[in-house]
Amino acid sequence: MKKPDPRFYRIAAERLGVQKHEVLFLDHASACVEGARDVGMRAVRYLNNDQAVTQAARSREAPPPSKDHQLPGAPRFLF
């Protein structure tokens, strides 16, 4: 199994001991970013360092994705 298979993201969060809404996923591939969002992770598509850092900071301030109806919380980072 590999990205963007939804099982990949679920297993990664489970093995790290975090809820999916706590994760901020960063990747250069749009399909992988969308896959992470589809399971309820916050996700940023990497284009360059400045853009990624700015979007990651904004993502921390936004409510979590509503797909899993999770409680708000600061995301943990997965790179």
PDB file of N, CA and C in Angstrom:
ATOM      1  N   MET A   1       0.846  -1.164   0.000  1.00  0.00           N
ATOM      2  CA  MET A   1       0.000   0.000   0.000  1.00  0.00           C
ATOM      3  C   MET A   1       0.895   1.232   0.000  1.00  0.00           C
ATOM      4  N   LYS A   2       0.392   2.285  -0.647  1.00  0.00           N
ATOM      5  CA  LYS A   2       1.146   3.531  -0.716  1.00  0.00           C
ATOM      6  C   LYS A   2       0.178   4.704  -0.884  1.00  0.00           C
ATOM      7  N   LYS A   3       0.709   5.904  -0.768  1.00  0.00           N
ATOM      8  CA  LYS A   3      -0.108   7.089  -0.981  1.00  0.00           C
ATOM      9  C   LYS A   3      -0.588   7.086  -2.428  1.00  0.00           C
ATOM     10  N   PRO A   4      -1.787   7.479  -2.723  1.00  0.00           N
ATOM     11  CA  PRO A   4      -2.800   8.099  -1.890  1.00  0.00           C
ATOM     12  C   PRO A   4      -3.876   7.137  -1.359  1.00  0.00           C
ATOM     13  N   ASP A   5      -3.561   5.890  -1.196  1.00  0.00           N
ATOM     14  CA  ASP A   5      -4.511   4.926  -0.626  1.00  0.00           C
ATOM     15  C   ASP A   5      -4.908   5.401   0.779  1.00  0.00           C
ATOM     16  N   PRO A   6      -6.205   5.562   1.061  1.00  0.00           N
ATOM     17  CA  PRO A   6      -6.641   6.035   2.381  1.00  0.00           C
ATOM     18  C   PRO A   6      -6.093   5.201   3.538  1.00  0.00           C
ATOM     19  N   ARG A   7      -5.887   3.929   3.316  1.00  0.00           N
ATOM     20  CA  ARG A   7      -5.349   3.066   4.385  1.00  0.00           C
ATOM     21  C   ARG A   7      -3.965   3.528   4.815  1.00  0.00           C
ATOM     22  N   PHE A   8      -3.188   4.045   3.897  1.00  0.00           N
ATOM     23  CA  PHE A   8      -1.840   4.526   4.208  1.00  0.00           C
ATOM     24  C   PHE A   8      -1.884   5.588   5.304  1.00  0.00           C
ATOM     25  N   TYR A   9      -2.746   6.572   5.135  1.00  0.00           N
ATOM     26  CA  TYR A   9      -2.835   7.684   6.079  1.00  0.00           C
ATOM     27  C   TYR A   9      -3.401   7.225   7.423  1.00  0.00           C
ATOM     28  N   ARG A  10      -4.403   6.373   7.380  1.00  0.00           N
ATOM     29  CA  ARG A  10      -5.000   5.872   8.626  1.00  0.00           C
ATOM     30  C   ARG A  10      -3.996   5.068   9.444  1.00  0.00           C
ATOM     31  N   ILE A  11      -3.270   4.203   8.775  1.00  0.00           N
ATOM     32  CA  ILE A  11      -2.275   3.386   9.475  1.00  0.00           C
ATOM     33  C   ILE A  11      -1.137   4.253  10.009  1.00  0.00           C
ATOM     34  N   ALA A  12      -0.704   5.229   9.229  1.00  0.00           N
ATOM     35  CA  ALA A  12       0.378   6.117   9.685  1.00  0.00           C
ATOM     36  C   ALA A  12      -0.030   6.842  10.965  1.00  0.00           C
ATOM     37  N   ALA A  13      -1.238   7.386  10.996  1.00  0.00           N
ATOM     38  CA  ALA A  13      -1.710   8.094  12.196  1.00  0.00           C
ATOM     39  C   ALA A  13      -1.833   7.127  13.366  1.00  0.00           C
ATOM     40  N   GLU A  14      -2.364   5.959  13.106  1.00  0.00           N
ATOM     41  CA  GLU A  14      -2.528   4.959  14.172  1.00  0.00           C
ATOM     42  C   GLU A  14      -1.181   4.563  14.764  1.00  0.00           C
ATOM     43  N   ARG A  15      -0.213   4.299  13.919  1.00  0.00           N
ATOM     44  CA  ARG A  15       1.108   3.882  14.401  1.00  0.00           C
ATOM     45  C   ARG A  15       1.838   4.991  15.139  1.00  0.00           C
ATOM     46  N   LEU A  16       1.532   6.231  14.786  1.00  0.00           N
ATOM     47  CA  LEU A  16       2.137   7.367  15.486  1.00  0.00           C
ATOM     48  C   LEU A  16       1.375   7.725  16.753  1.00  0.00           C
ATOM     49  N   GLY A  17       0.211   7.122  16.934  1.00  0.00           N
ATOM     50  CA  GLY A  17      -0.575   7.378  18.134  1.00  0.00           C
ATOM     51  C   GLY A  17      -1.244   8.742  18.153  1.00  0.00           C
ATOM     52  N   VAL A  18      -1.633   9.224  16.966  1.00  0.00           N
ATOM     53  CA  VAL A  18      -2.309  10.520  16.867  1.00  0.00           C
ATOM     54  C   VAL A  18      -3.634  10.353  16.129  1.00  0.00           C
ATOM     55  N   GLN A  19      -4.520  11.301  16.354  1.00  0.00           N
ATOM     56  CA  GLN A  19      -5.771  11.346  15.598  1.00  0.00           C
ATOM     57  C   GLN A  19      -5.480  11.963  14.235  1.00  0.00           C
ATOM     58  N   LYS A  20      -6.251  11.587  13.241  1.00  0.00           N
ATOM     59  CA  LYS A  20      -6.001  12.111  11.893  1.00  0.00           C
ATOM     60  C   LYS A  20      -6.090  13.637  11.847  1.00  0.00           C
ATOM     61  N   HIS A  21      -6.995  14.224  12.612  1.00  0.00           N
ATOM     62  CA  HIS A  21      -7.144  15.683  12.577  1.00  0.00           C
ATOM     63  C   HIS A  21      -5.960  16.400  13.242  1.00  0.00           C
ATOM     64  N   GLU A  22      -5.103  15.661  13.940  1.00  0.00           N
ATOM     65  CA  GLU A  22      -3.924  16.257  14.571  1.00  0.00           C
ATOM     66  C   GLU A  22      -2.736  16.332  13.618  1.00  0.00           C
ATOM     67  N   VAL A  23      -2.843  15.713  12.466  1.00  0.00           N
ATOM     68  CA  VAL A  23      -1.724  15.604  11.529  1.00  0.00           C
ATOM     69  C   VAL A  23      -1.753  16.735  10.519  1.00  0.00           C
ATOM     70  N   LEU A  24      -0.596  17.287  10.247  1.00  0.00           N
ATOM     71  CA  LEU A  24      -0.417  18.189   9.119  1.00  0.00           C
ATOM     72  C   LEU A  24       0.490  17.453   8.138  1.00  0.00           C
ATOM     73  N   PHE A  25      -0.074  17.064   7.025  1.00  0.00           N
ATOM     74  CA  PHE A  25       0.621  16.287   6.012  1.00  0.00           C
ATOM     75  C   PHE A  25       1.169  17.226   4.948  1.00  0.00           C
ATOM     76  N   LEU A  26       2.403  17.019   4.537  1.00  0.00           N
ATOM     77  CA  LEU A  26       3.071  17.858   3.550  1.00  0.00           C
ATOM     78  C   LEU A  26       3.606  16.964   2.443  1.00  0.00           C
ATOM     79  N   ASP A  27       3.267  17.297   1.197  1.00  0.00           N
ATOM     80  CA  ASP A  27       3.744  16.500   0.070  1.00  0.00           C
ATOM     81  C   ASP A  27       3.740  17.374  -1.180  1.00  0.00           C
ATOM     82  N   HIS A  28       4.545  17.024  -2.153  1.00  0.00           N
ATOM     83  CA  HIS A  28       4.592  17.781  -3.403  1.00  0.00           C
ATOM     84  C   HIS A  28       3.530  17.319  -4.400  1.00  0.00           C
ATOM     85  N   ALA A  29       2.982  16.118  -4.225  1.00  0.00           N
ATOM     86  CA  ALA A  29       2.022  15.556  -5.172  1.00  0.00           C
ATOM     87  C   ALA A  29       0.585  15.876  -4.766  1.00  0.00           C
ATOM     88  N   SER A  30      -0.156  16.497  -5.672  1.00  0.00           N
ATOM     89  CA  SER A  30      -1.544  16.875  -5.396  1.00  0.00           C
ATOM     90  C   SER A  30      -2.390  15.685  -4.973  1.00  0.00           C
ATOM     91  N   ALA A  31      -2.233  14.549  -5.637  1.00  0.00           N
ATOM     92  CA  ALA A  31      -3.039  13.372  -5.314  1.00  0.00           C
ATOM     93  C   ALA A  31      -2.806  12.915  -3.875  1.00  0.00           C
ATOM     94  N   CYS A  32      -1.583  13.001  -3.416  1.00  0.00           N
ATOM     95  CA  CYS A  32      -1.269  12.589  -2.047  1.00  0.00           C
ATOM     96  C   CYS A  32      -1.837  13.576  -1.032  1.00  0.00           C
ATOM     97  N   VAL A  33      -1.781  14.856  -1.347  1.00  0.00           N
ATOM     98  CA  VAL A  33      -2.351  15.882  -0.468  1.00  0.00           C
ATOM     99  C   VAL A  33      -3.862  15.685  -0.375  1.00  0.00           C
ATOM    100  N   GLU A  34      -4.516  15.457  -1.493  1.00  0.00           N
ATOM    101  CA  GLU A  34      -5.960  15.229  -1.489  1.00  0.00           C
ATOM    102  C   GLU A  34      -6.315  13.947  -0.740  1.00  0.00           C
ATOM    103  N   GLY A  35      -5.491  12.930  -0.874  1.00  0.00           N
ATOM    104  CA  GLY A  35      -5.723  11.686  -0.140  1.00  0.00           C
ATOM    105  C   GLY A  35      -5.693  11.901   1.357  1.00  0.00           C
ATOM    106  N   ALA A  36      -4.758  12.700   1.822  1.00  0.00           N
ATOM    107  CA  ALA A  36      -4.671  13.013   3.255  1.00  0.00           C
ATOM    108  C   ALA A  36      -5.897  13.796   3.699  1.00  0.00           C
ATOM    109  N   ARG A  37      -6.305  14.763   2.900  1.00  0.00           N
ATOM    110  CA  ARG A  37      -7.502  15.548   3.240  1.00  0.00           C
ATOM    111  C   ARG A  37      -8.742  14.669   3.270  1.00  0.00           C
ATOM    112  N   ASP A  38      -8.817  13.730   2.361  1.00  0.00           N
ATOM    113  CA  ASP A  38      -9.996  12.856   2.283  1.00  0.00           C
ATOM    114  C   ASP A  38     -10.211  12.028   3.543  1.00  0.00           C
ATOM    115  N   VAL A  39      -9.137  11.741   4.281  1.00  0.00           N
ATOM    116  CA  VAL A  39      -9.295  10.968   5.519  1.00  0.00           C
ATOM    117  C   VAL A  39      -9.365  11.865   6.753  1.00  0.00           C
ATOM    118  N   GLY A  40      -9.333  13.185   6.559  1.00  0.00           N
ATOM    119  CA  GLY A  40      -9.498  14.104   7.670  1.00  0.00           C
ATOM    120  C   GLY A  40      -8.236  14.748   8.196  1.00  0.00           C
ATOM    121  N   MET A  41      -7.134  14.613   7.469  1.00  0.00           N
ATOM    122  CA  MET A  41      -5.890  15.276   7.867  1.00  0.00           C
ATOM    123  C   MET A  41      -5.851  16.679   7.274  1.00  0.00           C
ATOM    124  N   ARG A  42      -5.120  17.550   7.937  1.00  0.00           N
ATOM    125  CA  ARG A  42      -4.801  18.832   7.330  1.00  0.00           C
ATOM    126  C   ARG A  42      -3.656  18.535   6.373  1.00  0.00           C
ATOM    127  N   ALA A  43      -3.657  19.167   5.222  1.00  0.00           N
ATOM    128  CA  ALA A  43      -2.622  18.840   4.239  1.00  0.00           C
ATOM    129  C   ALA A  43      -2.229  20.077   3.448  1.00  0.00           C
ATOM    130  N   VAL A  44      -0.948  20.174   3.151  1.00  0.00           N
ATOM    131  CA  VAL A  44      -0.380  21.288   2.395  1.00  0.00           C
ATOM    132  C   VAL A  44       0.426  20.704   1.247  1.00  0.00           C
ATOM    133  N   ARG A  45       0.191  21.242   0.067  1.00  0.00           N
ATOM    134  CA  ARG A  45       1.011  20.847  -1.075  1.00  0.00           C
ATOM    135  C   ARG A  45       2.283  21.693  -1.068  1.00  0.00           C
ATOM    136  N   TYR A  46       3.421  21.011  -1.080  1.00  0.00           N
ATOM    137  CA  TYR A  46       4.723  21.677  -1.065  1.00  0.00           C
ATOM    138  C   TYR A  46       5.074  22.178  -2.456  1.00  0.00           C
ATOM    139  N   LEU A  47       5.289  23.483  -2.557  1.00  0.00           N
ATOM    140  CA  LEU A  47       5.785  24.079  -3.799  1.00  0.00           C
ATOM    141  C   LEU A  47       7.181  24.655  -3.583  1.00  0.00           C
ATOM    142  N   ASN A  48       7.364  25.310  -2.428  1.00  0.00           N
ATOM    143  CA  ASN A  48       8.671  25.836  -2.034  1.00  0.00           C
ATOM    144  C   ASN A  48       8.636  26.059  -0.525  1.00  0.00           C
ATOM    145  N   ASN A  49       9.784  26.301   0.074  1.00  0.00           N
ATOM    146  CA  ASN A  49       9.863  26.410   1.527  1.00  0.00           C
ATOM    147  C   ASN A  49       8.984  27.522   2.090  1.00  0.00           C
ATOM    148  N   ASP A  50       9.074  28.722   1.522  1.00  0.00           N
ATOM    149  CA  ASP A  50       8.308  29.846   2.057  1.00  0.00           C
ATOM    150  C   ASP A  50       6.808  29.575   1.987  1.00  0.00           C
ATOM    151  N   GLN A  51       6.339  29.084   0.864  1.00  0.00           N
ATOM    152  CA  GLN A  51       4.920  28.798   0.690  1.00  0.00           C
ATOM    153  C   GLN A  51       4.471  27.719   1.657  1.00  0.00           C
ATOM    154  N   ALA A  52       5.256  26.670   1.801  1.00  0.00           N
ATOM    155  CA  ALA A  52       4.872  25.560   2.679  1.00  0.00           C
ATOM    156  C   ALA A  52       4.814  25.990   4.135  1.00  0.00           C
ATOM    157  N   VAL A  53       5.796  26.767   4.583  1.00  0.00           N
ATOM    158  CA  VAL A  53       5.810  27.240   5.967  1.00  0.00           C
ATOM    159  C   VAL A  53       4.616  28.161   6.217  1.00  0.00           C
ATOM    160  N   THR A  54       4.325  29.056   5.285  1.00  0.00           N
ATOM    161  CA  THR A  54       3.187  29.967   5.433  1.00  0.00           C
ATOM    162  C   THR A  54       1.877  29.200   5.498  1.00  0.00           C
ATOM    163  N   GLN A  55       1.676  28.251   4.585  1.00  0.00           N
ATOM    164  CA  GLN A  55       0.431  27.483   4.580  1.00  0.00           C
ATOM    165  C   GLN A  55       0.332  26.575   5.802  1.00  0.00           C
ATOM    166  N   ALA A  56       1.440  26.034   6.254  1.00  0.00           N
ATOM    167  CA  ALA A  56       1.427  25.197   7.449  1.00  0.00           C
ATOM    168  C   ALA A  56       0.999  26.020   8.660  1.00  0.00           C
ATOM    169  N   ALA A  57       1.514  27.231   8.762  1.00  0.00           N
ATOM    170  CA  ALA A  57       1.133  28.105   9.878  1.00  0.00           C
ATOM    171  C   ALA A  57      -0.350  28.442   9.810  1.00  0.00           C
ATOM    172  N   ARG A  58      -0.863  28.720   8.638  1.00  0.00           N
ATOM    173  CA  ARG A  58      -2.297  29.010   8.484  1.00  0.00           C
ATOM    174  C   ARG A  58      -3.130  27.792   8.838  1.00  0.00           C
ATOM    175  N   SER A  59      -2.669  26.629   8.467  1.00  0.00           N
ATOM    176  CA  SER A  59      -3.402  25.396   8.737  1.00  0.00           C
ATOM    177  C   SER A  59      -3.540  25.159  10.235  1.00  0.00           C
ATOM    178  N   ARG A  60      -2.545  25.548  10.996  1.00  0.00           N
ATOM    179  CA  ARG A  60      -2.591  25.390  12.455  1.00  0.00           C
ATOM    180  C   ARG A  60      -3.694  26.242  13.058  1.00  0.00           C
ATOM    181  N   GLU A  61      -4.016  27.366  12.422  1.00  0.00           N
ATOM    182  CA  GLU A  61      -5.026  28.283  12.943  1.00  0.00           C
ATOM    183  C   GLU A  61      -6.437  27.903  12.518  1.00  0.00           C
ATOM    184  N   ALA A  62      -6.571  27.150  11.452  1.00  0.00           N
ATOM    185  CA  ALA A  62      -7.888  26.800  10.911  1.00  0.00           C
ATOM    186  C   ALA A  62      -8.487  25.623  11.675  1.00  0.00           C
ATOM    187  N   PRO A  63      -9.819  25.531  11.690  1.00  0.00           N
ATOM    188  CA  PRO A  63     -10.433  24.357  12.317  1.00  0.00           C
ATOM    189  C   PRO A  63     -10.071  23.106  11.532  1.00  0.00           C
ATOM    190  N   PRO A  64     -10.094  21.955  12.170  1.00  0.00           N
ATOM    191  CA  PRO A  64      -9.741  20.725  11.469  1.00  0.00           C
ATOM    192  C   PRO A  64     -10.764  20.392  10.394  1.00  0.00           C
ATOM    193  N   PRO A  65     -10.393  19.557   9.441  1.00  0.00           N
ATOM    194  CA  PRO A  65     -11.342  19.147   8.413  1.00  0.00           C
ATOM    195  C   PRO A  65     -12.580  18.535   9.060  1.00  0.00           C
ATOM    196  N   SER A  66     -13.729  18.752   8.454  1.00  0.00           N
ATOM    197  CA  SER A  66     -14.981  18.297   9.059  1.00  0.00           C
ATOM    198  C   SER A  66     -15.364  16.875   8.682  1.00  0.00           C
ATOM    199  N   LYS A  67     -14.645  16.221   7.812  1.00  0.00           N
ATOM    200  CA  LYS A  67     -15.026  14.884   7.351  1.00  0.00           C
ATOM    201  C   LYS A  67     -15.146  13.877   8.478  1.00  0.00           C
ATOM    202  N   ASP A  68     -14.289  13.967   9.485  1.00  0.00           N
ATOM    203  CA  ASP A  68     -14.347  13.035  10.612  1.00  0.00           C
ATOM    204  C   ASP A  68     -15.033  13.637  11.829  1.00  0.00           C
ATOM    205  N   HIS A  69     -15.444  14.901  11.736  1.00  0.00           N
ATOM    206  CA  HIS A  69     -16.138  15.586  12.830  1.00  0.00           C
ATOM    207  C   HIS A  69     -15.348  15.493  14.133  1.00  0.00           C
ATOM    208  N   GLN A  70     -14.080  15.811  14.064  1.00  0.00           N
ATOM    209  CA  GLN A  70     -13.210  15.757  15.229  1.00  0.00           C
ATOM    210  C   GLN A  70     -13.227  17.085  15.965  1.00  0.00           C
ATOM    211  N   LEU A  71     -12.816  17.061  17.201  1.00  0.00           N
ATOM    212  CA  LEU A  71     -12.696  18.282  17.985  1.00  0.00           C
ATOM    213  C   LEU A  71     -11.484  19.062  17.520  1.00  0.00           C
ATOM    214  N   PRO A  72     -11.551  20.396  17.574  1.00  0.00           N
ATOM    215  CA  PRO A  72     -10.398  21.201  17.154  1.00  0.00           C
ATOM    216  C   PRO A  72      -9.181  20.931  18.022  1.00  0.00           C
ATOM    217  N   GLY A  73      -8.034  21.132  17.434  1.00  0.00           N
ATOM    218  CA  GLY A  73      -6.783  20.976  18.164  1.00  0.00           C
ATOM    219  C   GLY A  73      -5.629  21.311  17.257  1.00  0.00           C
ATOM    220  N   ALA A  74      -4.513  21.657  17.851  1.00  0.00           N
ATOM    221  CA  ALA A  74      -3.335  21.976  17.058  1.00  0.00           C
ATOM    222  C   ALA A  74      -2.810  20.708  16.408  1.00  0.00           C
ATOM    223  N   PRO A  75      -2.516  20.755  15.112  1.00  0.00           N
ATOM    224  CA  PRO A  75      -2.010  19.567  14.446  1.00  0.00           C
ATOM    225  C   PRO A  75      -0.587  19.213  14.887  1.00  0.00           C
ATOM    226  N   ARG A  76      -0.280  17.953  14.813  1.00  0.00           N
ATOM    227  CA  ARG A  76       1.103  17.518  14.965  1.00  0.00           C
ATOM    228  C   ARG A  76       1.661  17.438  13.552  1.00  0.00           C
ATOM    229  N   PHE A  77       2.951  17.481  13.440  1.00  0.00           N
ATOM    230  CA  PHE A  77       3.531  17.554  12.100  1.00  0.00           C
ATOM    231  C   PHE A  77       4.087  16.220  11.645  1.00  0.00           C
ATOM    232  N   LEU A  78       3.791  15.851  10.419  1.00  0.00           N
ATOM    233  CA  LEU A  78       4.324  14.668   9.746  1.00  0.00           C
ATOM    234  C   LEU A  78       5.035  15.157   8.500  1.00  0.00           C
ATOM    235  N   PHE A  79       6.288  14.850   8.359  1.00  0.00           N
ATOM    236  CA  PHE A  79       7.003  15.216   7.134  1.00  0.00           C
ATOM    237  C   PHE A  79       7.655  13.981   6.575  1.00  0.00           C
TER     238      PHE A  79
END
